[in-house]
Each structure stands twice: as structure tokens, then as C-alpha cells.
Amino acid sequence: MRPLVCAALLAVALTACSARQDALGTQRFVAGDGTTAVVAADQREAAPPVSGKTLDGRRLDLADLPGPVVVNFWASWCGPCAKEAPALQRVADAYADAGVRFVGVNVKDQPAAARNFERDFGVRYPSWYDEAAAIAASFGGIGPAALPSTIVLDEDHRVAARLFGAVDEATLSRALDTVLDERGGA
């Protein structure tokens, strides 16, 4: 019986280490594991027809963003999201001339806190405000399992790569280079 109790306590402790709570005590974050899932071109699923209001109050449709798109799911209360934000903006700047668009999905957050996050970390690309996580849910099985998560869409807005956890410039750049190489070869 004692080993079973120890195992249960260990599981609870590990869960507590990977969870973060907001001021109300609601668990809202589970750390991603930093893995990348690249999807072969012939096995890619289309992204859903996402549409919604951005943090600055404008309407944005995914269909209005031509070419490859990087979709990053984040929240102001997410430590790894803060860690990756500057790298995401640097990659967005580096790939803008190649026609790559970036859009964030601010999940389960307060609008003022999200806008402050963007200002503090220099995020200049738009972010949908997704308080109820409806946009995240619309991605279904190809959507985020944790925050932060990043999805790279190819030219046809099909999921080419899924990155779990805070991304770094090199990993995201490799995924984008693959998508751009496909476009160049078409």
C-alpha cells in the first residue's frame, strides 16, 4: 500500500510543478515539452477558417493572410510565452520579406494584460483575443496541447509543423525554411 501512496503523491507533485495558477487559483497552463512535430506535405490537415477580433479591436480572418503563416498560442501569465516572445518577433521580422505572416492567439487572458505583454516584449504582429479558447479549440487535434504552442502553416494554410513549448529562433527558422523551400520548388 505504501508504494501506491508514494506513487500518487509523486504524480500530484509533478503535476503541480508543471501547472501555473492565476490569481483566482484556476489552473491555466501546462508546460509544453519543447518537441517539434513536422508533418509531411501529403499528410497535412487544413487549418480551420479562423476569424475573430484582435487585441486592438480589429477583425482578422486567417484566409486574409496570404502565404505561409505562423500561429502562436500564448498568454500574458505564461512564463515560457514571455521567454519566447522576443524570439518570435525576431523571426517574424527576418521572414517578413519572404511573405511569412505571424499571428498570435491570446488564450484565456485579460485584454489589458495581453496588450501590456505585447508592448513589454515588442510584439508587433496581430493577436486574436481568445478568452474562451474557442479559436484554440477550433484547431481540434492539430491545435495546442499546452501554452505556448506554435503552428506553422504552409502556403495553402495546412499544418506543416507543430512546436510545443517555448520556441527558439533556430527551430522555428528550420520549419519556415522547409515550408519556403516547398513553395520555391512548386
N, C-alpha and C. Protein backbone atom coordinates (compact mmCIF):
# COMPACT_ATOMS: atom_id res chain seq x y z
N MET A 1 0.82 -1.19 0.00
CA MET A 1 0.00 0.00 0.00
C MET A 1 0.87 1.26 0.00
N ARG A 2 1.95 1.23 0.77
CA ARG A 2 2.82 2.41 0.86
C ARG A 2 3.38 2.82 -0.50
N PRO A 3 3.87 1.90 -1.38
CA PRO A 3 4.36 2.31 -2.70
C PRO A 3 3.28 3.00 -3.53
N LEU A 4 2.04 2.55 -3.40
CA LEU A 4 0.94 3.15 -4.16
C LEU A 4 0.70 4.59 -3.71
N VAL A 5 0.74 4.82 -2.40
CA VAL A 5 0.56 6.17 -1.86
C VAL A 5 1.72 7.07 -2.31
N CYS A 6 2.95 6.56 -2.27
CA CYS A 6 4.11 7.35 -2.71
C CYS A 6 4.00 7.69 -4.18
N ALA A 7 3.56 6.75 -4.99
CA ALA A 7 3.41 7.00 -6.42
C ALA A 7 2.35 8.06 -6.67
N ALA A 8 1.25 8.01 -5.95
CA ALA A 8 0.19 9.00 -6.10
C ALA A 8 0.68 10.39 -5.70
N LEU A 9 1.42 10.46 -4.59
CA LEU A 9 1.95 11.76 -4.16
C LEU A 9 2.95 12.31 -5.16
N LEU A 10 3.78 11.45 -5.74
CA LEU A 10 4.73 11.88 -6.75
C LEU A 10 4.00 12.42 -7.97
N ALA A 11 2.96 11.76 -8.41
CA ALA A 11 2.18 12.23 -9.56
C ALA A 11 1.57 13.60 -9.29
N VAL A 12 1.04 13.79 -8.10
CA VAL A 12 0.47 15.10 -7.74
C VAL A 12 1.56 16.16 -7.72
N ALA A 13 2.71 15.85 -7.18
CA ALA A 13 3.82 16.81 -7.12
C ALA A 13 4.29 17.19 -8.51
N LEU A 14 4.42 16.22 -9.41
CA LEU A 14 4.85 16.53 -10.77
C LEU A 14 3.82 17.38 -11.50
N THR A 15 2.56 17.10 -11.29
CA THR A 15 1.50 17.90 -11.90
C THR A 15 1.57 19.32 -11.38
N ALA A 16 1.79 19.49 -10.11
CA ALA A 16 1.87 20.83 -9.52
C ALA A 16 3.07 21.60 -10.07
N CYS A 17 4.17 20.91 -10.37
CA CYS A 17 5.35 21.58 -10.91
C CYS A 17 5.12 22.09 -12.32
N SER A 18 4.26 21.43 -13.08
CA SER A 18 4.06 21.85 -14.46
C SER A 18 2.82 22.71 -14.63
N ALA A 19 2.15 23.02 -13.56
CA ALA A 19 0.93 23.83 -13.66
C ALA A 19 1.17 25.21 -13.10
N ARG A 20 0.44 26.14 -13.62
CA ARG A 20 0.51 27.52 -13.16
C ARG A 20 -0.92 27.95 -12.86
N GLN A 21 -1.10 28.78 -11.86
CA GLN A 21 -2.43 29.23 -11.50
C GLN A 21 -2.52 30.73 -11.60
N ASP A 22 -3.73 31.19 -11.95
CA ASP A 22 -3.93 32.64 -11.98
C ASP A 22 -4.29 33.12 -10.58
N ALA A 23 -4.62 34.39 -10.45
CA ALA A 23 -4.91 34.98 -9.14
C ALA A 23 -6.10 34.33 -8.46
N LEU A 24 -7.00 33.73 -9.23
CA LEU A 24 -8.17 33.07 -8.66
C LEU A 24 -7.90 31.61 -8.32
N GLY A 25 -6.69 31.13 -8.61
CA GLY A 25 -6.36 29.75 -8.30
C GLY A 25 -6.77 28.78 -9.40
N THR A 26 -7.14 29.28 -10.57
CA THR A 26 -7.55 28.42 -11.67
C THR A 26 -6.32 27.96 -12.43
N GLN A 27 -6.18 26.65 -12.61
CA GLN A 27 -5.05 26.13 -13.38
C GLN A 27 -5.29 26.48 -14.84
N ARG A 28 -4.30 27.15 -15.46
CA ARG A 28 -4.49 27.60 -16.82
C ARG A 28 -3.32 27.31 -17.73
N PHE A 29 -2.31 26.65 -17.27
CA PHE A 29 -1.11 26.46 -18.07
C PHE A 29 -0.49 25.12 -17.73
N VAL A 30 -0.12 24.38 -18.76
CA VAL A 30 0.67 23.17 -18.58
C VAL A 30 1.86 23.31 -19.52
N ALA A 31 3.03 23.16 -18.99
CA ALA A 31 4.23 23.39 -19.78
C ALA A 31 4.31 22.42 -20.94
N GLY A 32 4.67 22.92 -22.11
CA GLY A 32 4.93 22.08 -23.26
C GLY A 32 6.29 21.42 -23.09
N ASP A 33 6.56 20.40 -23.86
CA ASP A 33 7.80 19.66 -23.67
C ASP A 33 8.89 20.04 -24.66
N GLY A 34 8.67 21.05 -25.48
CA GLY A 34 9.69 21.53 -26.39
C GLY A 34 9.88 20.69 -27.64
N THR A 35 8.97 19.77 -27.92
CA THR A 35 9.12 18.94 -29.10
C THR A 35 8.54 19.63 -30.33
N THR A 36 8.99 19.15 -31.47
CA THR A 36 8.52 19.66 -32.75
C THR A 36 7.98 18.48 -33.55
N ALA A 37 6.80 18.65 -34.12
CA ALA A 37 6.21 17.63 -34.98
C ALA A 37 6.10 18.21 -36.38
N VAL A 38 6.91 17.70 -37.30
CA VAL A 38 6.86 18.14 -38.68
C VAL A 38 5.94 17.19 -39.43
N VAL A 39 5.08 17.75 -40.28
CA VAL A 39 4.08 16.95 -40.99
C VAL A 39 4.47 16.89 -42.46
N ALA A 40 4.54 15.70 -43.01
CA ALA A 40 4.85 15.53 -44.43
C ALA A 40 3.78 16.21 -45.27
N ALA A 41 4.17 16.77 -46.40
CA ALA A 41 3.26 17.55 -47.23
C ALA A 41 2.00 16.78 -47.62
N ASP A 42 2.13 15.49 -47.86
CA ASP A 42 0.96 14.70 -48.28
C ASP A 42 0.07 14.27 -47.12
N GLN A 43 0.43 14.63 -45.89
CA GLN A 43 -0.35 14.25 -44.72
C GLN A 43 -0.88 15.44 -43.93
N ARG A 44 -0.77 16.61 -44.47
CA ARG A 44 -1.14 17.83 -43.75
C ARG A 44 -2.65 18.04 -43.74
N GLU A 45 -3.12 18.54 -42.59
CA GLU A 45 -4.53 18.91 -42.43
C GLU A 45 -4.68 20.41 -42.58
N ALA A 46 -5.79 20.81 -43.15
CA ALA A 46 -6.06 22.24 -43.31
C ALA A 46 -6.36 22.87 -41.95
N ALA A 47 -5.88 24.08 -41.79
CA ALA A 47 -6.23 24.85 -40.59
C ALA A 47 -7.70 25.23 -40.69
N PRO A 48 -8.37 25.41 -39.56
CA PRO A 48 -9.77 25.81 -39.60
C PRO A 48 -9.91 27.25 -40.11
N PRO A 49 -11.08 27.63 -40.54
CA PRO A 49 -11.30 29.01 -41.02
C PRO A 49 -11.43 29.98 -39.85
N VAL A 50 -10.30 30.30 -39.25
CA VAL A 50 -10.27 31.13 -38.05
C VAL A 50 -10.57 32.58 -38.40
N SER A 51 -11.37 33.19 -37.54
CA SER A 51 -11.73 34.59 -37.71
C SER A 51 -12.06 35.14 -36.33
N GLY A 52 -11.71 36.39 -36.10
CA GLY A 52 -12.04 36.97 -34.81
C GLY A 52 -11.47 38.35 -34.66
N LYS A 53 -11.68 38.90 -33.47
CA LYS A 53 -11.16 40.23 -33.16
C LYS A 53 -9.77 40.12 -32.57
N THR A 54 -8.94 41.07 -32.95
CA THR A 54 -7.59 41.12 -32.42
C THR A 54 -7.60 41.96 -31.14
N LEU A 55 -6.47 41.96 -30.46
CA LEU A 55 -6.36 42.72 -29.21
C LEU A 55 -6.57 44.21 -29.42
N ASP A 56 -6.33 44.69 -30.64
CA ASP A 56 -6.57 46.11 -30.91
C ASP A 56 -7.98 46.37 -31.44
N GLY A 57 -8.84 45.34 -31.41
CA GLY A 57 -10.25 45.50 -31.77
C GLY A 57 -10.58 45.33 -33.25
N ARG A 58 -9.60 45.03 -34.06
CA ARG A 58 -9.85 44.84 -35.49
C ARG A 58 -10.28 43.41 -35.77
N ARG A 59 -11.01 43.22 -36.85
CA ARG A 59 -11.40 41.87 -37.30
C ARG A 59 -10.28 41.33 -38.18
N LEU A 60 -9.92 40.05 -37.98
CA LEU A 60 -8.89 39.41 -38.77
C LEU A 60 -9.34 38.01 -39.12
N ASP A 61 -9.24 37.68 -40.39
CA ASP A 61 -9.54 36.33 -40.88
C ASP A 61 -8.25 35.68 -41.33
N LEU A 62 -8.04 34.44 -40.94
CA LEU A 62 -6.85 33.71 -41.38
C LEU A 62 -6.79 33.68 -42.90
N ALA A 63 -7.92 33.55 -43.55
CA ALA A 63 -7.97 33.48 -45.01
C ALA A 63 -7.43 34.75 -45.67
N ASP A 64 -7.42 35.87 -44.95
CA ASP A 64 -6.91 37.13 -45.49
C ASP A 64 -5.39 37.25 -45.41
N LEU A 65 -4.74 36.27 -44.79
CA LEU A 65 -3.28 36.28 -44.67
C LEU A 65 -2.69 35.37 -45.75
N PRO A 66 -2.11 35.96 -46.79
CA PRO A 66 -1.57 35.14 -47.87
C PRO A 66 -0.28 34.44 -47.47
N GLY A 67 -0.03 33.31 -48.11
CA GLY A 67 1.24 32.61 -47.92
C GLY A 67 1.34 31.86 -46.61
N PRO A 68 2.55 31.45 -46.26
CA PRO A 68 2.77 30.73 -45.00
C PRO A 68 2.43 31.62 -43.81
N VAL A 69 1.92 30.99 -42.76
CA VAL A 69 1.52 31.72 -41.55
C VAL A 69 2.02 30.96 -40.33
N VAL A 70 2.56 31.70 -39.37
CA VAL A 70 2.93 31.14 -38.08
C VAL A 70 1.86 31.58 -37.09
N VAL A 71 1.22 30.61 -36.43
CA VAL A 71 0.18 30.87 -35.43
C VAL A 71 0.75 30.48 -34.08
N ASN A 72 0.85 31.47 -33.18
CA ASN A 72 1.43 31.23 -31.85
C ASN A 72 0.36 31.41 -30.79
N PHE A 73 0.14 30.39 -29.97
CA PHE A 73 -0.82 30.42 -28.87
C PHE A 73 -0.08 30.82 -27.61
N TRP A 74 -0.55 31.88 -26.93
CA TRP A 74 0.18 32.44 -25.80
C TRP A 74 -0.78 33.09 -24.81
N ALA A 75 -0.24 33.45 -23.66
CA ALA A 75 -0.97 34.22 -22.65
C ALA A 75 0.03 35.04 -21.84
N SER A 76 -0.42 36.15 -21.31
CA SER A 76 0.48 37.03 -20.56
C SER A 76 0.96 36.40 -19.26
N TRP A 77 0.19 35.49 -18.71
CA TRP A 77 0.53 34.86 -17.43
C TRP A 77 1.42 33.62 -17.61
N CYS A 78 1.82 33.34 -18.83
CA CYS A 78 2.60 32.14 -19.16
C CYS A 78 4.08 32.50 -19.25
N GLY A 79 4.88 32.01 -18.30
CA GLY A 79 6.31 32.30 -18.26
C GLY A 79 7.05 31.90 -19.53
N PRO A 80 6.87 30.67 -20.05
CA PRO A 80 7.54 30.30 -21.29
C PRO A 80 7.10 31.17 -22.48
N CYS A 81 5.87 31.69 -22.45
CA CYS A 81 5.41 32.58 -23.51
C CYS A 81 6.23 33.86 -23.51
N ALA A 82 6.51 34.37 -22.32
CA ALA A 82 7.33 35.57 -22.20
C ALA A 82 8.75 35.29 -22.68
N LYS A 83 9.25 34.11 -22.38
CA LYS A 83 10.61 33.74 -22.80
C LYS A 83 10.73 33.71 -24.32
N GLU A 84 9.71 33.20 -25.02
CA GLU A 84 9.80 33.04 -26.47
C GLU A 84 9.38 34.28 -27.26
N ALA A 85 8.67 35.21 -26.65
CA ALA A 85 8.11 36.35 -27.38
C ALA A 85 9.15 37.15 -28.17
N PRO A 86 10.29 37.51 -27.59
CA PRO A 86 11.28 38.26 -28.38
C PRO A 86 11.82 37.45 -29.58
N ALA A 87 12.01 36.16 -29.39
CA ALA A 87 12.50 35.31 -30.49
C ALA A 87 11.47 35.24 -31.61
N LEU A 88 10.20 35.12 -31.26
CA LEU A 88 9.14 35.08 -32.27
C LEU A 88 9.14 36.37 -33.09
N GLN A 89 9.27 37.50 -32.42
CA GLN A 89 9.27 38.77 -33.15
C GLN A 89 10.49 38.89 -34.06
N ARG A 90 11.64 38.42 -33.60
CA ARG A 90 12.84 38.47 -34.44
C ARG A 90 12.65 37.60 -35.69
N VAL A 91 12.06 36.43 -35.53
CA VAL A 91 11.82 35.56 -36.69
C VAL A 91 10.77 36.19 -37.60
N ALA A 92 9.74 36.78 -37.02
CA ALA A 92 8.72 37.47 -37.83
C ALA A 92 9.38 38.56 -38.67
N ASP A 93 10.28 39.33 -38.08
CA ASP A 93 10.98 40.38 -38.81
C ASP A 93 11.86 39.78 -39.91
N ALA A 94 12.57 38.72 -39.59
CA ALA A 94 13.51 38.11 -40.53
C ALA A 94 12.81 37.50 -41.75
N TYR A 95 11.59 37.00 -41.57
CA TYR A 95 10.89 36.31 -42.65
C TYR A 95 9.78 37.14 -43.30
N ALA A 96 9.63 38.37 -42.89
CA ALA A 96 8.56 39.22 -43.46
C ALA A 96 8.73 39.41 -44.96
N ASP A 97 9.95 39.65 -45.42
CA ASP A 97 10.18 39.86 -46.86
C ASP A 97 9.95 38.59 -47.67
N ALA A 98 9.97 37.43 -47.03
CA ALA A 98 9.69 36.16 -47.71
C ALA A 98 8.19 35.88 -47.78
N GLY A 99 7.39 36.78 -47.22
CA GLY A 99 5.94 36.62 -47.29
C GLY A 99 5.34 35.81 -46.17
N VAL A 100 6.10 35.53 -45.11
CA VAL A 100 5.59 34.78 -43.97
C VAL A 100 4.86 35.74 -43.04
N ARG A 101 3.66 35.39 -42.66
CA ARG A 101 2.86 36.20 -41.75
C ARG A 101 2.84 35.53 -40.38
N PHE A 102 2.75 36.33 -39.34
CA PHE A 102 2.64 35.84 -37.97
C PHE A 102 1.35 36.36 -37.38
N VAL A 103 0.70 35.52 -36.58
CA VAL A 103 -0.48 35.93 -35.83
C VAL A 103 -0.47 35.17 -34.51
N GLY A 104 -0.77 35.88 -33.44
CA GLY A 104 -0.86 35.25 -32.14
C GLY A 104 -2.30 34.91 -31.81
N VAL A 105 -2.46 34.01 -30.86
CA VAL A 105 -3.77 33.70 -30.30
C VAL A 105 -3.62 33.83 -28.79
N ASN A 106 -4.15 34.91 -28.24
CA ASN A 106 -4.05 35.17 -26.81
C ASN A 106 -5.18 34.40 -26.12
N VAL A 107 -4.82 33.39 -25.34
CA VAL A 107 -5.78 32.44 -24.78
C VAL A 107 -6.03 32.71 -23.30
N LYS A 108 -7.31 32.75 -22.93
CA LYS A 108 -7.75 32.84 -21.53
C LYS A 108 -7.00 33.91 -20.75
N ASP A 109 -7.09 35.12 -21.20
CA ASP A 109 -6.31 36.21 -20.65
C ASP A 109 -7.21 37.42 -20.45
N GLN A 110 -6.68 38.43 -19.84
CA GLN A 110 -7.34 39.71 -19.70
C GLN A 110 -6.80 40.62 -20.81
N PRO A 111 -7.67 41.36 -21.51
CA PRO A 111 -7.19 42.18 -22.64
C PRO A 111 -6.09 43.16 -22.26
N ALA A 112 -6.22 43.85 -21.14
CA ALA A 112 -5.20 44.84 -20.75
C ALA A 112 -3.87 44.15 -20.48
N ALA A 113 -3.89 43.02 -19.81
CA ALA A 113 -2.66 42.29 -19.53
C ALA A 113 -2.01 41.81 -20.83
N ALA A 114 -2.83 41.37 -21.77
CA ALA A 114 -2.31 40.90 -23.05
C ALA A 114 -1.69 42.05 -23.85
N ARG A 115 -2.34 43.19 -23.88
CA ARG A 115 -1.79 44.35 -24.58
C ARG A 115 -0.48 44.82 -23.93
N ASN A 116 -0.43 44.79 -22.60
CA ASN A 116 0.80 45.15 -21.90
C ASN A 116 1.93 44.18 -22.23
N PHE A 117 1.61 42.90 -22.32
CA PHE A 117 2.59 41.88 -22.69
C PHE A 117 3.17 42.20 -24.06
N GLU A 118 2.29 42.47 -25.03
CA GLU A 118 2.77 42.78 -26.38
C GLU A 118 3.67 44.02 -26.37
N ARG A 119 3.27 45.03 -25.62
CA ARG A 119 4.09 46.25 -25.54
C ARG A 119 5.43 45.95 -24.87
N ASP A 120 5.41 45.26 -23.74
CA ASP A 120 6.62 44.99 -22.98
C ASP A 120 7.63 44.13 -23.75
N PHE A 121 7.14 43.21 -24.57
CA PHE A 121 8.02 42.30 -25.30
C PHE A 121 8.20 42.68 -26.77
N GLY A 122 7.64 43.82 -27.16
CA GLY A 122 7.84 44.31 -28.53
C GLY A 122 7.18 43.48 -29.60
N VAL A 123 6.06 42.84 -29.28
CA VAL A 123 5.34 42.03 -30.26
C VAL A 123 4.53 42.97 -31.15
N ARG A 124 4.83 42.97 -32.45
CA ARG A 124 4.17 43.89 -33.37
C ARG A 124 3.18 43.21 -34.31
N TYR A 125 3.20 41.89 -34.39
CA TYR A 125 2.21 41.21 -35.24
C TYR A 125 0.89 41.11 -34.46
N PRO A 126 -0.24 40.95 -35.18
CA PRO A 126 -1.54 40.92 -34.50
C PRO A 126 -1.76 39.64 -33.71
N SER A 127 -2.62 39.75 -32.71
CA SER A 127 -3.04 38.57 -31.93
C SER A 127 -4.55 38.59 -31.77
N TRP A 128 -5.15 37.44 -32.05
CA TRP A 128 -6.57 37.30 -31.75
C TRP A 128 -6.75 37.23 -30.25
N TYR A 129 -7.83 37.80 -29.77
CA TYR A 129 -8.19 37.70 -28.36
C TYR A 129 -9.12 36.50 -28.24
N ASP A 130 -8.70 35.48 -27.52
CA ASP A 130 -9.41 34.19 -27.44
C ASP A 130 -9.68 33.82 -25.99
N GLU A 131 -10.45 34.67 -25.32
CA GLU A 131 -10.70 34.49 -23.89
C GLU A 131 -11.26 33.11 -23.56
N ALA A 132 -12.17 32.62 -24.38
CA ALA A 132 -12.82 31.34 -24.10
C ALA A 132 -12.08 30.15 -24.72
N ALA A 133 -10.94 30.39 -25.37
CA ALA A 133 -10.15 29.36 -26.04
C ALA A 133 -10.92 28.71 -27.19
N ALA A 134 -11.85 29.44 -27.79
CA ALA A 134 -12.64 28.91 -28.91
C ALA A 134 -11.79 28.75 -30.16
N ILE A 135 -10.90 29.71 -30.42
CA ILE A 135 -10.02 29.59 -31.59
C ILE A 135 -9.09 28.40 -31.40
N ALA A 136 -8.50 28.30 -30.23
CA ALA A 136 -7.62 27.16 -29.95
C ALA A 136 -8.38 25.85 -30.13
N ALA A 137 -9.60 25.77 -29.64
CA ALA A 137 -10.40 24.55 -29.76
C ALA A 137 -10.77 24.25 -31.21
N SER A 138 -10.92 25.29 -32.03
CA SER A 138 -11.31 25.07 -33.42
C SER A 138 -10.24 24.29 -34.20
N PHE A 139 -9.00 24.31 -33.71
CA PHE A 139 -7.94 23.54 -34.35
C PHE A 139 -8.05 22.05 -34.04
N GLY A 140 -8.90 21.68 -33.09
CA GLY A 140 -9.11 20.27 -32.77
C GLY A 140 -7.82 19.56 -32.43
N GLY A 141 -7.62 18.37 -32.97
CA GLY A 141 -6.46 17.54 -32.67
C GLY A 141 -5.15 18.10 -33.17
N ILE A 142 -5.20 19.08 -34.08
CA ILE A 142 -3.97 19.69 -34.58
C ILE A 142 -3.64 20.97 -33.82
N GLY A 143 -4.46 21.29 -32.84
CA GLY A 143 -4.29 22.52 -32.08
C GLY A 143 -3.33 22.36 -30.92
N PRO A 144 -3.24 23.40 -30.10
CA PRO A 144 -2.28 23.39 -28.99
C PRO A 144 -2.70 22.45 -27.88
N ALA A 145 -1.73 21.74 -27.34
CA ALA A 145 -1.96 20.88 -26.19
C ALA A 145 -1.58 21.60 -24.91
N ALA A 146 -0.82 22.67 -25.04
CA ALA A 146 -0.33 23.43 -23.90
C ALA A 146 0.08 24.81 -24.41
N LEU A 147 0.35 25.70 -23.48
CA LEU A 147 0.87 27.01 -23.84
C LEU A 147 2.32 27.11 -23.37
N PRO A 148 3.16 27.69 -24.17
CA PRO A 148 2.92 28.15 -25.53
C PRO A 148 2.97 27.00 -26.52
N SER A 149 2.32 27.19 -27.64
CA SER A 149 2.38 26.27 -28.78
C SER A 149 2.40 27.12 -30.04
N THR A 150 3.08 26.61 -31.04
CA THR A 150 3.19 27.32 -32.31
C THR A 150 2.89 26.36 -33.44
N ILE A 151 2.08 26.83 -34.39
CA ILE A 151 1.73 26.03 -35.56
C ILE A 151 2.23 26.78 -36.79
N VAL A 152 2.96 26.07 -37.65
CA VAL A 152 3.43 26.65 -38.90
C VAL A 152 2.52 26.13 -40.01
N LEU A 153 1.90 27.06 -40.72
CA LEU A 153 1.02 26.71 -41.83
C LEU A 153 1.76 26.94 -43.14
N ASP A 154 1.57 26.04 -44.08
CA ASP A 154 2.22 26.20 -45.38
C ASP A 154 1.45 27.21 -46.24
N GLU A 155 1.84 27.34 -47.47
CA GLU A 155 1.25 28.28 -48.42
C GLU A 155 -0.27 28.09 -48.54
N ASP A 156 -0.74 26.85 -48.42
CA ASP A 156 -2.17 26.54 -48.53
C ASP A 156 -2.88 26.50 -47.18
N HIS A 157 -2.21 27.01 -46.16
CA HIS A 157 -2.74 27.05 -44.79
C HIS A 157 -3.05 25.66 -44.26
N ARG A 158 -2.15 24.72 -44.56
CA ARG A 158 -2.21 23.39 -43.98
C ARG A 158 -1.11 23.31 -42.93
N VAL A 159 -1.34 22.52 -41.89
CA VAL A 159 -0.39 22.43 -40.78
C VAL A 159 0.85 21.67 -41.22
N ALA A 160 1.98 22.41 -41.30
CA ALA A 160 3.26 21.84 -41.71
C ALA A 160 4.13 21.44 -40.53
N ALA A 161 3.95 22.14 -39.40
CA ALA A 161 4.73 21.82 -38.20
C ALA A 161 3.99 22.31 -36.97
N ARG A 162 4.15 21.56 -35.88
CA ARG A 162 3.61 21.94 -34.58
C ARG A 162 4.77 21.94 -33.60
N LEU A 163 4.92 23.07 -32.91
CA LEU A 163 6.01 23.21 -31.95
C LEU A 163 5.41 23.40 -30.57
N PHE A 164 5.79 22.54 -29.64
CA PHE A 164 5.23 22.55 -28.30
C PHE A 164 6.24 23.12 -27.32
N GLY A 165 5.80 24.06 -26.51
CA GLY A 165 6.70 24.71 -25.57
C GLY A 165 7.29 25.95 -26.22
N ALA A 166 8.14 26.63 -25.47
CA ALA A 166 8.76 27.86 -25.97
C ALA A 166 9.66 27.52 -27.15
N VAL A 167 9.47 28.24 -28.26
CA VAL A 167 10.29 28.01 -29.45
C VAL A 167 11.52 28.89 -29.42
N ASP A 168 12.54 28.42 -30.09
CA ASP A 168 13.72 29.25 -30.27
C ASP A 168 13.82 29.61 -31.75
N GLU A 169 14.64 30.59 -32.04
CA GLU A 169 14.76 31.09 -33.41
C GLU A 169 15.20 30.01 -34.39
N ALA A 170 16.17 29.20 -33.99
CA ALA A 170 16.71 28.18 -34.91
C ALA A 170 15.65 27.14 -35.28
N THR A 171 14.90 26.66 -34.31
CA THR A 171 13.89 25.64 -34.58
C THR A 171 12.79 26.19 -35.47
N LEU A 172 12.30 27.37 -35.16
CA LEU A 172 11.23 27.96 -35.96
C LEU A 172 11.75 28.29 -37.36
N SER A 173 12.96 28.78 -37.46
CA SER A 173 13.54 29.10 -38.78
C SER A 173 13.67 27.85 -39.64
N ARG A 174 14.06 26.73 -39.05
CA ARG A 174 14.16 25.48 -39.83
C ARG A 174 12.80 25.08 -40.38
N ALA A 175 11.77 25.18 -39.55
CA ALA A 175 10.41 24.83 -40.01
C ALA A 175 9.98 25.76 -41.14
N LEU A 176 10.25 27.05 -40.99
CA LEU A 176 9.87 28.00 -42.04
C LEU A 176 10.67 27.80 -43.31
N ASP A 177 11.96 27.49 -43.18
CA ASP A 177 12.78 27.24 -44.37
C ASP A 177 12.24 26.05 -45.16
N THR A 178 11.79 25.02 -44.46
CA THR A 178 11.21 23.85 -45.13
C THR A 178 9.98 24.26 -45.92
N VAL A 179 9.10 25.04 -45.31
CA VAL A 179 7.88 25.49 -45.98
C VAL A 179 8.22 26.38 -47.17
N LEU A 180 9.17 27.28 -47.01
CA LEU A 180 9.55 28.16 -48.10
C LEU A 180 10.24 27.42 -49.22
N ASP A 181 11.02 26.40 -48.90
CA ASP A 181 11.66 25.58 -49.93
C ASP A 181 10.62 24.85 -50.77
N GLU A 182 9.55 24.40 -50.12
CA GLU A 182 8.45 23.73 -50.87
C GLU A 182 7.81 24.73 -51.83
N ARG A 183 7.60 25.92 -51.36
CA ARG A 183 6.96 26.95 -52.18
C ARG A 183 7.84 27.28 -53.38
N GLY A 184 9.13 27.38 -53.15
CA GLY A 184 10.05 27.71 -54.23
C GLY A 184 10.15 26.61 -55.27
N GLY A 185 9.93 25.38 -54.84
CA GLY A 185 10.02 24.25 -55.76
C GLY A 185 8.75 23.98 -56.53
N ALA A 186 7.68 24.70 -56.20
CA ALA A 186 6.40 24.44 -56.85
C ALA A 186 6.32 25.09 -58.20
